[in-house]
Structure formats: C-alpha cells, structure tokens
Amino acid sequence: MTVAAIAALVLRAANADSAIARAAIYALATLAATFGLFAVLFVIAWFPAVIGRDPWEDVNRGSPFAAQQLPPQVLPPRDSNQ
C-alpha cells in the first residue's frame, strides 16, 4: 500500500510536468520491463526442461554399486601402520 501511494504521488508529480518525477517513472518502467523480460525468458527456458524431464532417468541407468564392488579409486589405499 505504501509503495502504491508513493507511485501515485510520483505519477501525479509527473503529470504536473516535473522532470525528476518523469525520470523516476521512466527508470521504474525500465526496471519493470527488464524484470518482466527476464521472467518471460526464464519461463521459455524452464518449460522445455520440465516437459523433457524423466523423473526415473537416474534409476533406469542402474547403480554403480550394483555389482557389489567399490568404485575405482583415484588413489590406492594406504597401509594404516605407516
């Protein structure tokens, strides 16, 4: 409500030919348009990712531990006595 009241005050001042109020309106409109464009681009990128997603994709590949063995190690195990 407070933001709407301030926006209404700035719009009223812009209609009274205040250059600063008009600049503030243009700046806020540019920010709002940029945010809206980013939201639209996000939805465009997000929608195909959700549609093409298979929730069982990882399950169908199988487990690397299915053969009851450890995965290959980068470093060989050290002797604990050293």
PDB file of N, CA and C in Angstrom:
ATOM      1  N   MET A   1       0.825  -1.178   0.000  1.00  0.00           N
ATOM      2  CA  MET A   1       0.000   0.000   0.000  1.00  0.00           C
ATOM      3  C   MET A   1       0.876   1.252   0.000  1.00  0.00           C
ATOM      4  N   THR A   2       1.964   1.195   0.762  1.00  0.00           N
ATOM      5  CA  THR A   2       2.859   2.348   0.819  1.00  0.00           C
ATOM      6  C   THR A   2       3.523   2.593  -0.527  1.00  0.00           C
ATOM      7  N   VAL A   3       3.958   1.513  -1.179  1.00  0.00           N
ATOM      8  CA  VAL A   3       4.603   1.645  -2.488  1.00  0.00           C
ATOM      9  C   VAL A   3       3.609   2.196  -3.503  1.00  0.00           C
ATOM     10  N   ALA A   4       2.362   1.748  -3.443  1.00  0.00           N
ATOM     11  CA  ALA A   4       1.346   2.254  -4.360  1.00  0.00           C
ATOM     12  C   ALA A   4       1.076   3.740  -4.115  1.00  0.00           C
ATOM     13  N   ALA A   5       1.095   4.141  -2.860  1.00  0.00           N
ATOM     14  CA  ALA A   5       0.877   5.557  -2.548  1.00  0.00           C
ATOM     15  C   ALA A   5       2.033   6.416  -3.067  1.00  0.00           C
ATOM     16  N   ILE A   6       3.247   5.929  -2.901  1.00  0.00           N
ATOM     17  CA  ILE A   6       4.412   6.681  -3.404  1.00  0.00           C
ATOM     18  C   ILE A   6       4.380   6.736  -4.922  1.00  0.00           C
ATOM     19  N   ALA A   7       4.023   5.617  -5.571  1.00  0.00           N
ATOM     20  CA  ALA A   7       3.939   5.602  -7.037  1.00  0.00           C
ATOM     21  C   ALA A   7       2.859   6.560  -7.519  1.00  0.00           C
ATOM     22  N   ALA A   8       1.749   6.614  -6.828  1.00  0.00           N
ATOM     23  CA  ALA A   8       0.690   7.549  -7.206  1.00  0.00           C
ATOM     24  C   ALA A   8       1.150   8.995  -7.051  1.00  0.00           C
ATOM     25  N   LEU A   9       1.904   9.277  -5.994  1.00  0.00           N
ATOM     26  CA  LEU A   9       2.440  10.635  -5.785  1.00  0.00           C
ATOM     27  C   LEU A   9       3.412  11.007  -6.903  1.00  0.00           C
ATOM     28  N   VAL A  10       4.273  10.083  -7.279  1.00  0.00           N
ATOM     29  CA  VAL A  10       5.239  10.361  -8.346  1.00  0.00           C
ATOM     30  C   VAL A  10       4.512  10.529  -9.677  1.00  0.00           C
ATOM     31  N   LEU A  11       3.508   9.703  -9.951  1.00  0.00           N
ATOM     32  CA  LEU A  11       2.730   9.869 -11.183  1.00  0.00           C
ATOM     33  C   LEU A  11       2.006  11.209 -11.221  1.00  0.00           C
ATOM     34  N   ARG A  12       1.485  11.629 -10.078  1.00  0.00           N
ATOM     35  CA  ARG A  12       0.797  12.926 -10.012  1.00  0.00           C
ATOM     36  C   ARG A  12       1.774  14.070 -10.271  1.00  0.00           C
ATOM     37  N   ALA A  13       2.995  13.924  -9.709  1.00  0.00           N
ATOM     38  CA  ALA A  13       4.010  14.950  -9.953  1.00  0.00           C
ATOM     39  C   ALA A  13       4.484  14.928 -11.399  1.00  0.00           C
ATOM     40  N   ALA A  14       4.522  13.749 -12.013  1.00  0.00           N
ATOM     41  CA  ALA A  14       4.935  13.654 -13.414  1.00  0.00           C
ATOM     42  C   ALA A  14       3.901  14.309 -14.324  1.00  0.00           C
ATOM     43  N   ASN A  15       2.635  14.177 -13.967  1.00  0.00           N
ATOM     44  CA  ASN A  15       1.598  14.840 -14.756  1.00  0.00           C
ATOM     45  C   ASN A  15       1.645  16.353 -14.606  1.00  0.00           C
ATOM     46  N   ALA A  16       2.267  16.822 -13.545  1.00  0.00           N
ATOM     47  CA  ALA A  16       2.401  18.272 -13.326  1.00  0.00           C
ATOM     48  C   ALA A  16       3.686  18.795 -13.958  1.00  0.00           C
ATOM     49  N   ASP A  17       4.274  18.049 -14.910  1.00  0.00           N
ATOM     50  CA  ASP A  17       5.477  18.436 -15.650  1.00  0.00           C
ATOM     51  C   ASP A  17       6.710  18.572 -14.771  1.00  0.00           C
ATOM     52  N   SER A  18       6.875  17.658 -13.832  1.00  0.00           N
ATOM     53  CA  SER A  18       8.090  17.614 -13.022  1.00  0.00           C
ATOM     54  C   SER A  18       9.082  16.674 -13.719  1.00  0.00           C
ATOM     55  N   ALA A  19      10.244  17.210 -14.066  1.00  0.00           N
ATOM     56  CA  ALA A  19      11.245  16.440 -14.811  1.00  0.00           C
ATOM     57  C   ALA A  19      11.803  15.288 -13.972  1.00  0.00           C
ATOM     58  N   ILE A  20      11.999  15.532 -12.692  1.00  0.00           N
ATOM     59  CA  ILE A  20      12.551  14.486 -11.825  1.00  0.00           C
ATOM     60  C   ILE A  20      11.548  13.340 -11.674  1.00  0.00           C
ATOM     61  N   ALA A  21      10.271  13.674 -11.501  1.00  0.00           N
ATOM     62  CA  ALA A  21       9.253  12.638 -11.369  1.00  0.00           C
ATOM     63  C   ALA A  21       9.124  11.842 -12.671  1.00  0.00           C
ATOM     64  N   ARG A  22       9.207  12.536 -13.791  1.00  0.00           N
ATOM     65  CA  ARG A  22       9.126  11.848 -15.080  1.00  0.00           C
ATOM     66  C   ARG A  22      10.318  10.912 -15.255  1.00  0.00           C
ATOM     67  N   ALA A  23      11.501  11.330 -14.843  1.00  0.00           N
ATOM     68  CA  ALA A  23      12.691  10.482 -14.929  1.00  0.00           C
ATOM     69  C   ALA A  23      12.553   9.269 -14.008  1.00  0.00           C
ATOM     70  N   ALA A  24      11.964   9.471 -12.838  1.00  0.00           N
ATOM     71  CA  ALA A  24      11.764   8.346 -11.921  1.00  0.00           C
ATOM     72  C   ALA A  24      10.776   7.347 -12.514  1.00  0.00           C
ATOM     73  N   ILE A  25       9.736   7.831 -13.157  1.00  0.00           N
ATOM     74  CA  ILE A  25       8.763   6.936 -13.793  1.00  0.00           C
ATOM     75  C   ILE A  25       9.427   6.142 -14.902  1.00  0.00           C
ATOM     76  N   TYR A  26      10.234   6.790 -15.729  1.00  0.00           N
ATOM     77  CA  TYR A  26      10.921   6.080 -16.808  1.00  0.00           C
ATOM     78  C   TYR A  26      11.902   5.049 -16.257  1.00  0.00           C
ATOM     79  N   ALA A  27      12.606   5.386 -15.195  1.00  0.00           N
ATOM     80  CA  ALA A  27      13.554   4.451 -14.593  1.00  0.00           C
ATOM     81  C   ALA A  27      12.827   3.233 -14.021  1.00  0.00           C
ATOM     82  N   LEU A  28      11.735   3.470 -13.304  1.00  0.00           N
ATOM     83  CA  LEU A  28      10.969   2.356 -12.750  1.00  0.00           C
ATOM     84  C   LEU A  28      10.323   1.511 -13.846  1.00  0.00           C
ATOM     85  N   ALA A  29       9.863   2.150 -14.903  1.00  0.00           N
ATOM     86  CA  ALA A  29       9.274   1.408 -16.015  1.00  0.00           C
ATOM     87  C   ALA A  29      10.330   0.559 -16.714  1.00  0.00           C
ATOM     88  N   THR A  30      11.544   1.083 -16.850  1.00  0.00           N
ATOM     89  CA  THR A  30      12.624   0.307 -17.458  1.00  0.00           C
ATOM     90  C   THR A  30      12.975  -0.887 -16.592  1.00  0.00           C
ATOM     91  N   LEU A  31      13.064  -0.693 -15.282  1.00  0.00           N
ATOM     92  CA  LEU A  31      13.341  -1.812 -14.382  1.00  0.00           C
ATOM     93  C   LEU A  31      12.233  -2.857 -14.432  1.00  0.00           C
ATOM     94  N   ALA A  32      10.996  -2.419 -14.450  1.00  0.00           N
ATOM     95  CA  ALA A  32       9.872  -3.357 -14.503  1.00  0.00           C
ATOM     96  C   ALA A  32       9.856  -4.116 -15.830  1.00  0.00           C
ATOM     97  N   ALA A  33      10.144  -3.431 -16.933  1.00  0.00           N
ATOM     98  CA  ALA A  33      10.168  -4.096 -18.237  1.00  0.00           C
ATOM     99  C   ALA A  33      11.312  -5.098 -18.308  1.00  0.00           C
ATOM    100  N   THR A  34      12.461  -4.746 -17.749  1.00  0.00           N
ATOM    101  CA  THR A  34      13.596  -5.666 -17.742  1.00  0.00           C
ATOM    102  C   THR A  34      13.281  -6.894 -16.902  1.00  0.00           C
ATOM    103  N   PHE A  35      12.705  -6.698 -15.728  1.00  0.00           N
ATOM    104  CA  PHE A  35      12.324  -7.822 -14.876  1.00  0.00           C
ATOM    105  C   PHE A  35      11.299  -8.704 -15.577  1.00  0.00           C
ATOM    106  N   GLY A  36      10.334  -8.093 -16.238  1.00  0.00           N
ATOM    107  CA  GLY A  36       9.330  -8.858 -16.980  1.00  0.00           C
ATOM    108  C   GLY A  36       9.941  -9.659 -18.120  1.00  0.00           C
ATOM    109  N   LEU A  37      10.894  -9.058 -18.833  1.00  0.00           N
ATOM    110  CA  LEU A  37      11.583  -9.773 -19.909  1.00  0.00           C
ATOM    111  C   LEU A  37      12.370 -10.954 -19.357  1.00  0.00           C
ATOM    112  N   PHE A  38      13.066 -10.750 -18.238  1.00  0.00           N
ATOM    113  CA  PHE A  38      13.812 -11.849 -17.620  1.00  0.00           C
ATOM    114  C   PHE A  38      12.871 -12.962 -17.184  1.00  0.00           C
ATOM    115  N   ALA A  39      11.713 -12.618 -16.652  1.00  0.00           N
ATOM    116  CA  ALA A  39      10.750 -13.631 -16.230  1.00  0.00           C
ATOM    117  C   ALA A  39      10.233 -14.418 -17.430  1.00  0.00           C
ATOM    118  N   VAL A  40       9.950 -13.745 -18.529  1.00  0.00           N
ATOM    119  CA  VAL A  40       9.477 -14.425 -19.732  1.00  0.00           C
ATOM    120  C   VAL A  40      10.558 -15.349 -20.283  1.00  0.00           C
ATOM    121  N   LEU A  41      11.800 -14.880 -20.342  1.00  0.00           N
ATOM    122  CA  LEU A  41      12.895 -15.719 -20.829  1.00  0.00           C
ATOM    123  C   LEU A  41      13.126 -16.915 -19.919  1.00  0.00           C
ATOM    124  N   PHE A  42      12.974 -16.729 -18.623  1.00  0.00           N
ATOM    125  CA  PHE A  42      13.112 -17.845 -17.691  1.00  0.00           C
ATOM    126  C   PHE A  42      12.050 -18.904 -17.953  1.00  0.00           C
ATOM    127  N   VAL A  43      10.816 -18.481 -18.141  1.00  0.00           N
ATOM    128  CA  VAL A  43       9.731 -19.434 -18.395  1.00  0.00           C
ATOM    129  C   VAL A  43       9.949 -20.149 -19.727  1.00  0.00           C
ATOM    130  N   ILE A  44      10.450 -19.426 -20.732  1.00  0.00           N
ATOM    131  CA  ILE A  44      10.725 -20.051 -22.020  1.00  0.00           C
ATOM    132  C   ILE A  44      11.796 -21.124 -21.878  1.00  0.00           C
ATOM    133  N   ALA A  45      12.816 -20.886 -21.069  1.00  0.00           N
ATOM    134  CA  ALA A  45      13.870 -21.872 -20.867  1.00  0.00           C
ATOM    135  C   ALA A  45      13.442 -22.982 -19.907  1.00  0.00           C
ATOM    136  N   TRP A  46      12.588 -22.665 -18.952  1.00  0.00           N
ATOM    137  CA  TRP A  46      12.185 -23.634 -17.933  1.00  0.00           C
ATOM    138  C   TRP A  46      11.172 -24.633 -18.462  1.00  0.00           C
ATOM    139  N   PHE A  47      10.264 -24.186 -19.318  1.00  0.00           N
ATOM    140  CA  PHE A  47       9.179 -25.042 -19.783  1.00  0.00           C
ATOM    141  C   PHE A  47       9.688 -26.282 -20.526  1.00  0.00           C
ATOM    142  N   PRO A  48      10.589 -26.175 -21.491  1.00  0.00           N
ATOM    143  CA  PRO A  48      11.074 -27.403 -22.145  1.00  0.00           C
ATOM    144  C   PRO A  48      11.860 -28.299 -21.195  1.00  0.00           C
ATOM    145  N   ALA A  49      12.526 -27.723 -20.222  1.00  0.00           N
ATOM    146  CA  ALA A  49      13.281 -28.536 -19.265  1.00  0.00           C
ATOM    147  C   ALA A  49      12.333 -29.375 -18.413  1.00  0.00           C
ATOM    148  N   VAL A  50      11.179 -28.845 -18.078  1.00  0.00           N
ATOM    149  CA  VAL A  50      10.216 -29.590 -17.270  1.00  0.00           C
ATOM    150  C   VAL A  50       9.500 -30.630 -18.128  1.00  0.00           C
ATOM    151  N   ILE A  51       9.174 -30.276 -19.351  1.00  0.00           N
ATOM    152  CA  ILE A  51       8.454 -31.193 -20.234  1.00  0.00           C
ATOM    153  C   ILE A  51       9.337 -32.394 -20.596  1.00  0.00           C
ATOM    154  N   GLY A  52      10.619 -32.164 -20.868  1.00  0.00           N
ATOM    155  CA  GLY A  52      11.501 -33.238 -21.299  1.00  0.00           C
ATOM    156  C   GLY A  52      12.160 -34.003 -20.170  1.00  0.00           C
ATOM    157  N   ARG A  53      11.800 -33.739 -18.950  1.00  0.00           N
ATOM    158  CA  ARG A  53      12.451 -34.366 -17.801  1.00  0.00           C
ATOM    159  C   ARG A  53      11.828 -35.721 -17.509  1.00  0.00           C
ATOM    160  N   ASP A  54      12.702 -36.695 -17.273  1.00  0.00           N
ATOM    161  CA  ASP A  54      12.250 -38.024 -16.887  1.00  0.00           C
ATOM    162  C   ASP A  54      12.624 -38.227 -15.425  1.00  0.00           C
ATOM    163  N   PRO A  55      11.645 -38.321 -14.512  1.00  0.00           N
ATOM    164  CA  PRO A  55      11.991 -38.459 -13.097  1.00  0.00           C
ATOM    165  C   PRO A  55      12.681 -39.773 -12.773  1.00  0.00           C
ATOM    166  N   TRP A  56      12.559 -40.776 -13.654  1.00  0.00           N
ATOM    167  CA  TRP A  56      13.182 -42.075 -13.405  1.00  0.00           C
ATOM    168  C   TRP A  56      14.463 -42.246 -14.215  1.00  0.00           C
ATOM    169  N   GLU A  57      14.974 -41.164 -14.778  1.00  0.00           N
ATOM    170  CA  GLU A  57      16.150 -41.270 -15.645  1.00  0.00           C
ATOM    171  C   GLU A  57      17.358 -41.853 -14.922  1.00  0.00           C
ATOM    172  N   ASP A  58      17.633 -41.394 -13.727  1.00  0.00           N
ATOM    173  CA  ASP A  58      18.780 -41.896 -12.974  1.00  0.00           C
ATOM    174  C   ASP A  58      18.560 -43.326 -12.495  1.00  0.00           C
ATOM    175  N   VAL A  59      17.323 -43.684 -12.214  1.00  0.00           N
ATOM    176  CA  VAL A  59      17.025 -45.020 -11.709  1.00  0.00           C
ATOM    177  C   VAL A  59      17.225 -46.061 -12.814  1.00  0.00           C
ATOM    178  N   ASN A  60      16.862 -45.725 -14.031  1.00  0.00           N
ATOM    179  CA  ASN A  60      16.952 -46.673 -15.132  1.00  0.00           C
ATOM    180  C   ASN A  60      18.393 -46.982 -15.539  1.00  0.00           C
ATOM    181  N   ARG A  61      19.315 -46.111 -15.226  1.00  0.00           N
ATOM    182  CA  ARG A  61      20.707 -46.347 -15.581  1.00  0.00           C
ATOM    183  C   ARG A  61      21.340 -47.419 -14.707  1.00  0.00           C
ATOM    184  N   GLY A  62      20.815 -47.597 -13.558  1.00  0.00           N
ATOM    185  CA  GLY A  62      21.392 -48.571 -12.638  1.00  0.00           C
ATOM    186  C   GLY A  62      22.373 -47.916 -11.689  1.00  0.00           C
ATOM    187  N   SER A  63      22.764 -48.661 -10.708  1.00  0.00           N
ATOM    188  CA  SER A  63      23.658 -48.168  -9.680  1.00  0.00           C
ATOM    189  C   SER A  63      25.090 -48.590  -9.982  1.00  0.00           C
ATOM    190  N   PRO A  64      26.073 -47.728  -9.717  1.00  0.00           N
ATOM    191  CA  PRO A  64      27.459 -48.147  -9.917  1.00  0.00           C
ATOM    192  C   PRO A  64      27.876 -49.202  -8.895  1.00  0.00           C
ATOM    193  N   PHE A  65      27.108 -49.378  -7.833  1.00  0.00           N
ATOM    194  CA  PHE A  65      27.419 -50.353  -6.793  1.00  0.00           C
ATOM    195  C   PHE A  65      26.615 -51.653  -6.979  1.00  0.00           C
ATOM    196  N   ALA A  66      25.952 -51.818  -8.121  1.00  0.00           N
ATOM    197  CA  ALA A  66      25.089 -52.973  -8.313  1.00  0.00           C
ATOM    198  C   ALA A  66      25.867 -54.285  -8.366  1.00  0.00           C
ATOM    199  N   ALA A  67      27.139 -54.248  -8.746  1.00  0.00           N
ATOM    200  CA  ALA A  67      27.934 -55.476  -8.846  1.00  0.00           C
ATOM    201  C   ALA A  67      28.586 -55.825  -7.509  1.00  0.00           C
ATOM    202  N   GLN A  68      28.185 -55.182  -6.430  1.00  0.00           N
ATOM    203  CA  GLN A  68      28.719 -55.417  -5.087  1.00  0.00           C
ATOM    204  C   GLN A  68      30.227 -55.183  -5.026  1.00  0.00           C
ATOM    205  N   GLN A  69      30.680 -54.151  -5.700  1.00  0.00           N
ATOM    206  CA  GLN A  69      32.096 -53.797  -5.624  1.00  0.00           C
ATOM    207  C   GLN A  69      32.219 -52.286  -5.490  1.00  0.00           C
ATOM    208  N   LEU A  70      33.344 -51.853  -4.950  1.00  0.00           N
ATOM    209  CA  LEU A  70      33.572 -50.425  -4.774  1.00  0.00           C
ATOM    210  C   LEU A  70      33.919 -49.790  -6.112  1.00  0.00           C
ATOM    211  N   PRO A  71      33.648 -48.519  -6.255  1.00  0.00           N
ATOM    212  CA  PRO A  71      34.035 -47.846  -7.494  1.00  0.00           C
ATOM    213  C   PRO A  71      35.559 -47.726  -7.554  1.00  0.00           C
ATOM    214  N   PRO A  72      36.119 -47.516  -8.739  1.00  0.00           N
ATOM    215  CA  PRO A  72      37.573 -47.368  -8.831  1.00  0.00           C
ATOM    216  C   PRO A  72      38.041 -46.152  -8.041  1.00  0.00           C
ATOM    217  N   GLN A  73      39.172 -46.298  -7.367  1.00  0.00           N
ATOM    218  CA  GLN A  73      39.697 -45.224  -6.535  1.00  0.00           C
ATOM    219  C   GLN A  73      40.772 -44.466  -7.294  1.00  0.00           C
ATOM    220  N   VAL A  74      40.829 -43.171  -7.056  1.00  0.00           N
ATOM    221  CA  VAL A  74      41.832 -42.348  -7.698  1.00  0.00           C
ATOM    222  C   VAL A  74      43.195 -42.631  -7.077  1.00  0.00           C
ATOM    223  N   LEU A  75      43.256 -42.690  -5.777  1.00  0.00           N
ATOM    224  CA  LEU A  75      44.500 -43.009  -5.061  1.00  0.00           C
ATOM    225  C   LEU A  75      44.351 -44.395  -4.425  1.00  0.00           C
ATOM    226  N   PRO A  76      45.385 -45.204  -4.502  1.00  0.00           N
ATOM    227  CA  PRO A  76      45.269 -46.507  -3.872  1.00  0.00           C
ATOM    228  C   PRO A  76      45.230 -46.360  -2.344  1.00  0.00           C
ATOM    229  N   PRO A  77      44.600 -47.314  -1.646  1.00  0.00           N
ATOM    230  CA  PRO A  77      44.522 -47.221  -0.187  1.00  0.00           C
ATOM    231  C   PRO A  77      45.906 -47.356   0.431  1.00  0.00           C
ATOM    232  N   ARG A  78      46.140 -46.626   1.512  1.00  0.00           N
ATOM    233  CA  ARG A  78      47.426 -46.674   2.215  1.00  0.00           C
ATOM    234  C   ARG A  78      47.346 -47.663   3.378  1.00  0.00           C
ATOM    235  N   ASP A  79      48.497 -48.166   3.752  1.00  0.00           N
ATOM    236  CA  ASP A  79      48.569 -49.050   4.900  1.00  0.00           C
ATOM    237  C   ASP A  79      48.405 -48.212   6.159  1.00  0.00           C
ATOM    238  N   SER A  80      47.550 -48.627   7.063  1.00  0.00           N
ATOM    239  CA  SER A  80      47.275 -47.826   8.261  1.00  0.00           C
ATOM    240  C   SER A  80      48.426 -47.876   9.279  1.00  0.00           C
ATOM    241  N   ASN A  81      49.404 -48.747   9.086  1.00  0.00           N
ATOM    242  CA  ASN A  81      50.539 -48.841  10.020  1.00  0.00           C
ATOM    243  C   ASN A  81      51.591 -47.764   9.761  1.00  0.00           C
ATOM    244  N   GLN A  82      51.517 -47.077   8.673  1.00  0.00           N
ATOM    245  CA  GLN A  82      52.559 -46.074   8.349  1.00  0.00           C
ATOM    246  C   GLN A  82      52.236 -44.734   8.929  1.00  0.00           C
TER     247      GLN A  82
END
